[in-house]
Amino acid sequence: MFSKKLATVGTERAAPLGAATFSVLGADVAVRGDITAAADLHVEGRVDGDVACAALVQGESSVITGAITARSARLAGTVNGAVTVADLVVGKTARILGDVTYDTLTIEQGAQVQGRFTPRGANAAAAVPDSLIAISTRV
C-alpha cells in the first residue's frame, strides 16, 4: 500500500504528520488493492479492492470494485460489491451492484441499486418484511 503524508499544502498548513483527518484519492488515481484508513476517505478515482474507513465520500465519476465498510458513507459513483455502513446516503448518480447493509439509509431519487437491503441489528430483520428487503431501485 502506498502512503504519502505532507506537512504543508501550498501556503496552507496541513494537519501534523500522523494526525490526518481525511485522505483524498483524486480522479487521476487508480488503486489496485484493499484500502484501510482510520480517518475519513474521499474517492474520486478508481479502486479495485475493498475499502474500509471511518467515513467515505465517493465522487460521481468514481468506481469502486470491492466491498465497502464504514461508519458513514455518501456514495455518488459506481460500486460493484457489498456495502456495509451504519449511516448511508445513496446519491442520485450512484449505481450500486451488490447487497447493502445499513443502520440508517437515505436514497435520492435517480439512484440505482441492484441487491438486497438489510438493516443491521438483532431485531432489524424481524421489523422489516421480506418484500421490502429485496428491492431494486431504478428510475
C-alpha atoms as a PDB file:
ATOM      1  CA  MET A   1       0.000   0.000   0.000  1.00  0.00           C
ATOM      2  CA  PHE A   2       1.275   3.486  -0.845  1.00  0.00           C
ATOM      3  CA  SER A   3       1.014   6.249   1.706  1.00  0.00           C
ATOM      4  CA  LYS A   4       2.301   9.799   1.456  1.00  0.00           C
ATOM      5  CA  LYS A   5       1.970  12.440   4.160  1.00  0.00           C
ATOM      6  CA  LEU A   6       2.571  16.123   3.542  1.00  0.00           C
ATOM      7  CA  ALA A   7       3.469  18.655   6.198  1.00  0.00           C
ATOM      8  CA  THR A   8       2.266  21.617   4.114  1.00  0.00           C
ATOM      9  CA  VAL A   9      -0.033  22.072   1.150  1.00  0.00           C
ATOM     10  CA  GLY A  10       0.543  25.242  -0.845  1.00  0.00           C
ATOM     11  CA  THR A  11       0.575  28.137   1.612  1.00  0.00           C
ATOM     12  CA  GLU A  12      -1.872  26.445   3.973  1.00  0.00           C
ATOM     13  CA  ARG A  13      -0.734  24.414   6.940  1.00  0.00           C
ATOM     14  CA  ALA A  14      -1.853  20.778   6.872  1.00  0.00           C
ATOM     15  CA  ALA A  15      -2.566  18.649   9.923  1.00  0.00           C
ATOM     16  CA  PRO A  16       0.511  17.386  11.780  1.00  0.00           C
ATOM     17  CA  LEU A  17       2.045  14.201  10.395  1.00  0.00           C
ATOM     18  CA  GLY A  18       0.154  11.168  11.684  1.00  0.00           C
ATOM     19  CA  ALA A  19      -2.905  13.255  12.631  1.00  0.00           C
ATOM     20  CA  ALA A  20      -4.652  13.354   9.247  1.00  0.00           C
ATOM     21  CA  THR A  21      -8.416  13.809   9.401  1.00  0.00           C
ATOM     22  CA  PHE A  22      -9.079  12.712   5.805  1.00  0.00           C
ATOM     23  CA  SER A  23      -7.370  11.308   2.734  1.00  0.00           C
ATOM     24  CA  VAL A  24      -8.215  12.035  -0.887  1.00  0.00           C
ATOM     25  CA  LEU A  25      -7.789   9.835  -3.954  1.00  0.00           C
ATOM     26  CA  GLY A  26      -8.061  12.174  -6.932  1.00  0.00           C
ATOM     27  CA  ALA A  27      -9.813  11.477 -10.227  1.00  0.00           C
ATOM     28  CA  ASP A  28      -6.492  10.573 -11.858  1.00  0.00           C
ATOM     29  CA  VAL A  29      -5.652   7.926  -9.204  1.00  0.00           C
ATOM     30  CA  ALA A  30      -6.300   4.199  -9.701  1.00  0.00           C
ATOM     31  CA  VAL A  31      -5.615   1.829  -6.816  1.00  0.00           C
ATOM     32  CA  ARG A  32      -5.397  -1.932  -7.173  1.00  0.00           C
ATOM     33  CA  GLY A  33      -5.636  -3.484  -3.712  1.00  0.00           C
ATOM     34  CA  ASP A  34      -7.510  -3.034  -0.448  1.00  0.00           C
ATOM     35  CA  ILE A  35      -7.599   0.334   1.316  1.00  0.00           C
ATOM     36  CA  THR A  36      -7.847   0.630   5.093  1.00  0.00           C
ATOM     37  CA  ALA A  37      -7.972   4.105   6.615  1.00  0.00           C
ATOM     38  CA  ALA A  38      -8.555   5.092  10.238  1.00  0.00           C
ATOM     39  CA  ALA A  39      -9.586   8.544   9.025  1.00  0.00           C
ATOM     40  CA  ASP A  40     -12.181   9.718   6.507  1.00  0.00           C
ATOM     41  CA  LEU A  41     -11.657   8.972   2.818  1.00  0.00           C
ATOM     42  CA  HIS A  42     -12.757  10.880  -0.294  1.00  0.00           C
ATOM     43  CA  VAL A  43     -12.524   8.843  -3.506  1.00  0.00           C
ATOM     44  CA  GLU A  44     -12.778  10.467  -6.927  1.00  0.00           C
ATOM     45  CA  GLY A  45     -10.734   7.861  -8.826  1.00  0.00           C
ATOM     46  CA  ARG A  46     -10.889   4.094  -9.254  1.00  0.00           C
ATOM     47  CA  VAL A  47     -10.374   1.437  -6.565  1.00  0.00           C
ATOM     48  CA  ASP A  48     -10.133  -2.260  -7.418  1.00  0.00           C
ATOM     49  CA  GLY A  49     -10.251  -3.695  -3.910  1.00  0.00           C
ATOM     50  CA  ASP A  50     -12.080  -3.453  -0.610  1.00  0.00           C
ATOM     51  CA  VAL A  51     -12.388  -0.096   1.169  1.00  0.00           C
ATOM     52  CA  ALA A  52     -12.623   0.203   4.963  1.00  0.00           C
ATOM     53  CA  CYS A  53     -12.601   3.633   6.624  1.00  0.00           C
ATOM     54  CA  ALA A  54     -14.333   5.839   9.182  1.00  0.00           C
ATOM     55  CA  ALA A  55     -16.337   7.840   6.635  1.00  0.00           C
ATOM     56  CA  LEU A  56     -16.383   7.580   2.851  1.00  0.00           C
ATOM     57  CA  VAL A  57     -17.360  10.169   0.270  1.00  0.00           C
ATOM     58  CA  GLN A  58     -17.446   8.840  -3.284  1.00  0.00           C
ATOM     59  CA  GLY A  59     -17.451  11.199  -6.255  1.00  0.00           C
ATOM     60  CA  GLU A  60     -19.810  10.855  -9.216  1.00  0.00           C
ATOM     61  CA  SER A  61     -17.161   9.570 -11.640  1.00  0.00           C
ATOM     62  CA  SER A  62     -15.559   7.221  -9.118  1.00  0.00           C
ATOM     63  CA  VAL A  63     -15.652   3.425  -9.470  1.00  0.00           C
ATOM     64  CA  ILE A  64     -15.117   1.067  -6.537  1.00  0.00           C
ATOM     65  CA  THR A  65     -14.964  -2.645  -7.321  1.00  0.00           C
ATOM     66  CA  GLY A  66     -14.920  -4.346  -3.941  1.00  0.00           C
ATOM     67  CA  ALA A  67     -16.652  -4.320  -0.570  1.00  0.00           C
ATOM     68  CA  ILE A  68     -17.149  -1.067   1.359  1.00  0.00           C
ATOM     69  CA  THR A  69     -17.180  -0.959   5.161  1.00  0.00           C
ATOM     70  CA  ALA A  70     -17.534   2.364   7.009  1.00  0.00           C
ATOM     71  CA  ARG A  71     -19.378   4.123   9.822  1.00  0.00           C
ATOM     72  CA  SER A  72     -20.851   6.555   7.304  1.00  0.00           C
ATOM     73  CA  ALA A  73     -20.793   6.879   3.536  1.00  0.00           C
ATOM     74  CA  ARG A  74     -22.143   9.113   0.800  1.00  0.00           C
ATOM     75  CA  LEU A  75     -21.984   7.214  -2.472  1.00  0.00           C
ATOM     76  CA  ALA A  76     -22.399   9.012  -5.793  1.00  0.00           C
ATOM     77  CA  GLY A  77     -20.408   6.856  -8.238  1.00  0.00           C
ATOM     78  CA  THR A  78     -20.371   3.194  -9.220  1.00  0.00           C
ATOM     79  CA  VAL A  79     -19.923   0.406  -6.659  1.00  0.00           C
ATOM     80  CA  ASN A  80     -19.569  -3.246  -7.632  1.00  0.00           C
ATOM     81  CA  GLY A  81     -19.578  -5.018  -4.274  1.00  0.00           C
ATOM     82  CA  ALA A  82     -21.237  -5.306  -0.880  1.00  0.00           C
ATOM     83  CA  VAL A  83     -21.781  -2.148   1.183  1.00  0.00           C
ATOM     84  CA  THR A  84     -21.862  -2.307   4.993  1.00  0.00           C
ATOM     85  CA  VAL A  85     -22.328   1.138   6.509  1.00  0.00           C
ATOM     86  CA  ALA A  86     -24.048   2.438   9.657  1.00  0.00           C
ATOM     87  CA  ASP A  87     -25.256   5.724   8.090  1.00  0.00           C
ATOM     88  CA  LEU A  88     -25.617   5.544   4.304  1.00  0.00           C
ATOM     89  CA  VAL A  89     -26.648   8.121   1.726  1.00  0.00           C
ATOM     90  CA  VAL A  90     -27.005   6.836  -1.839  1.00  0.00           C
ATOM     91  CA  GLY A  91     -26.819   9.851  -4.140  1.00  0.00           C
ATOM     92  CA  LYS A  92     -28.914  10.305  -7.274  1.00  0.00           C
ATOM     93  CA  THR A  93     -25.940   9.466  -9.536  1.00  0.00           C
ATOM     94  CA  ALA A  94     -24.963   6.296  -7.623  1.00  0.00           C
ATOM     95  CA  ARG A  95     -25.008   2.878  -9.263  1.00  0.00           C
ATOM     96  CA  ILE A  96     -24.608   0.007  -6.777  1.00  0.00           C
ATOM     97  CA  LEU A  97     -24.446  -3.656  -7.775  1.00  0.00           C
ATOM     98  CA  GLY A  98     -24.319  -5.566  -4.512  1.00  0.00           C
ATOM     99  CA  ASP A  99     -26.015  -6.104  -1.191  1.00  0.00           C
ATOM    100  CA  VAL A 100     -26.400  -3.144   1.174  1.00  0.00           C
ATOM    101  CA  THR A 101     -26.382  -3.464   4.977  1.00  0.00           C
ATOM    102  CA  TYR A 102     -27.155  -0.315   6.980  1.00  0.00           C
ATOM    103  CA  ASP A 103     -28.464   1.243  10.210  1.00  0.00           C
ATOM    104  CA  THR A 104     -29.892   4.383   8.583  1.00  0.00           C
ATOM    105  CA  LEU A 105     -30.473   4.758   4.858  1.00  0.00           C
ATOM    106  CA  THR A 106     -31.261   7.630   2.512  1.00  0.00           C
ATOM    107  CA  ILE A 107     -31.698   7.027  -1.215  1.00  0.00           C
ATOM    108  CA  GLU A 108     -32.012  10.009  -3.518  1.00  0.00           C
ATOM    109  CA  GLN A 109     -34.371   9.813  -6.480  1.00  0.00           C
ATOM    110  CA  GLY A 110     -32.471   8.535  -9.522  1.00  0.00           C
ATOM    111  CA  ALA A 111     -30.087   6.220  -7.667  1.00  0.00           C
ATOM    112  CA  GLN A 112     -29.817   2.656  -8.976  1.00  0.00           C
ATOM    113  CA  VAL A 113     -29.255  -0.260  -6.621  1.00  0.00           C
ATOM    114  CA  GLN A 114     -29.353  -3.921  -7.598  1.00  0.00           C
ATOM    115  CA  GLY A 115     -29.076  -6.031  -4.488  1.00  0.00           C
ATOM    116  CA  ARG A 116     -30.654  -6.753  -1.122  1.00  0.00           C
ATOM    117  CA  PHE A 117     -31.167  -4.085   1.503  1.00  0.00           C
ATOM    118  CA  THR A 118     -30.689  -5.471   5.016  1.00  0.00           C
ATOM    119  CA  PRO A 119     -30.892  -3.366   8.171  1.00  0.00           C
ATOM    120  CA  ARG A 120     -28.219  -4.195  10.766  1.00  0.00           C
ATOM    121  CA  GLY A 121     -29.056  -5.236  14.313  1.00  0.00           C
ATOM    122  CA  ALA A 122     -30.553  -8.260  16.029  1.00  0.00           C
ATOM    123  CA  ASN A 123     -34.205  -7.170  15.707  1.00  0.00           C
ATOM    124  CA  ALA A 124     -33.882  -5.302  12.429  1.00  0.00           C
ATOM    125  CA  ALA A 125     -34.632  -8.282  10.151  1.00  0.00           C
ATOM    126  CA  ALA A 126     -37.841  -9.079  12.053  1.00  0.00           C
ATOM    127  CA  ALA A 127     -39.006  -5.464  11.827  1.00  0.00           C
ATOM    128  CA  VAL A 128     -38.832  -5.263   8.012  1.00  0.00           C
ATOM    129  CA  PRO A 129     -40.981  -7.534   5.793  1.00  0.00           C
ATOM    130  CA  ASP A 130     -39.092  -9.646   3.213  1.00  0.00           C
ATOM    131  CA  SER A 131     -40.978  -7.857   0.433  1.00  0.00           C
ATOM    132  CA  LEU A 132     -39.245  -4.595   1.395  1.00  0.00           C
ATOM    133  CA  ILE A 133     -35.739  -6.019   1.904  1.00  0.00           C
ATOM    134  CA  ALA A 134     -35.151  -7.406  -1.600  1.00  0.00           C
ATOM    135  CA  ILE A 135     -35.874  -4.474  -3.879  1.00  0.00           C
ATOM    136  CA  SER A 136     -34.253  -2.864  -6.867  1.00  0.00           C
ATOM    137  CA  THR A 137     -34.486   0.897  -7.202  1.00  0.00           C
ATOM    138  CA  ARG A 138     -34.497   2.135 -10.808  1.00  0.00           C
ATOM    139  CA  VAL A 139     -35.720   5.367 -12.304  1.00  0.00           C
END
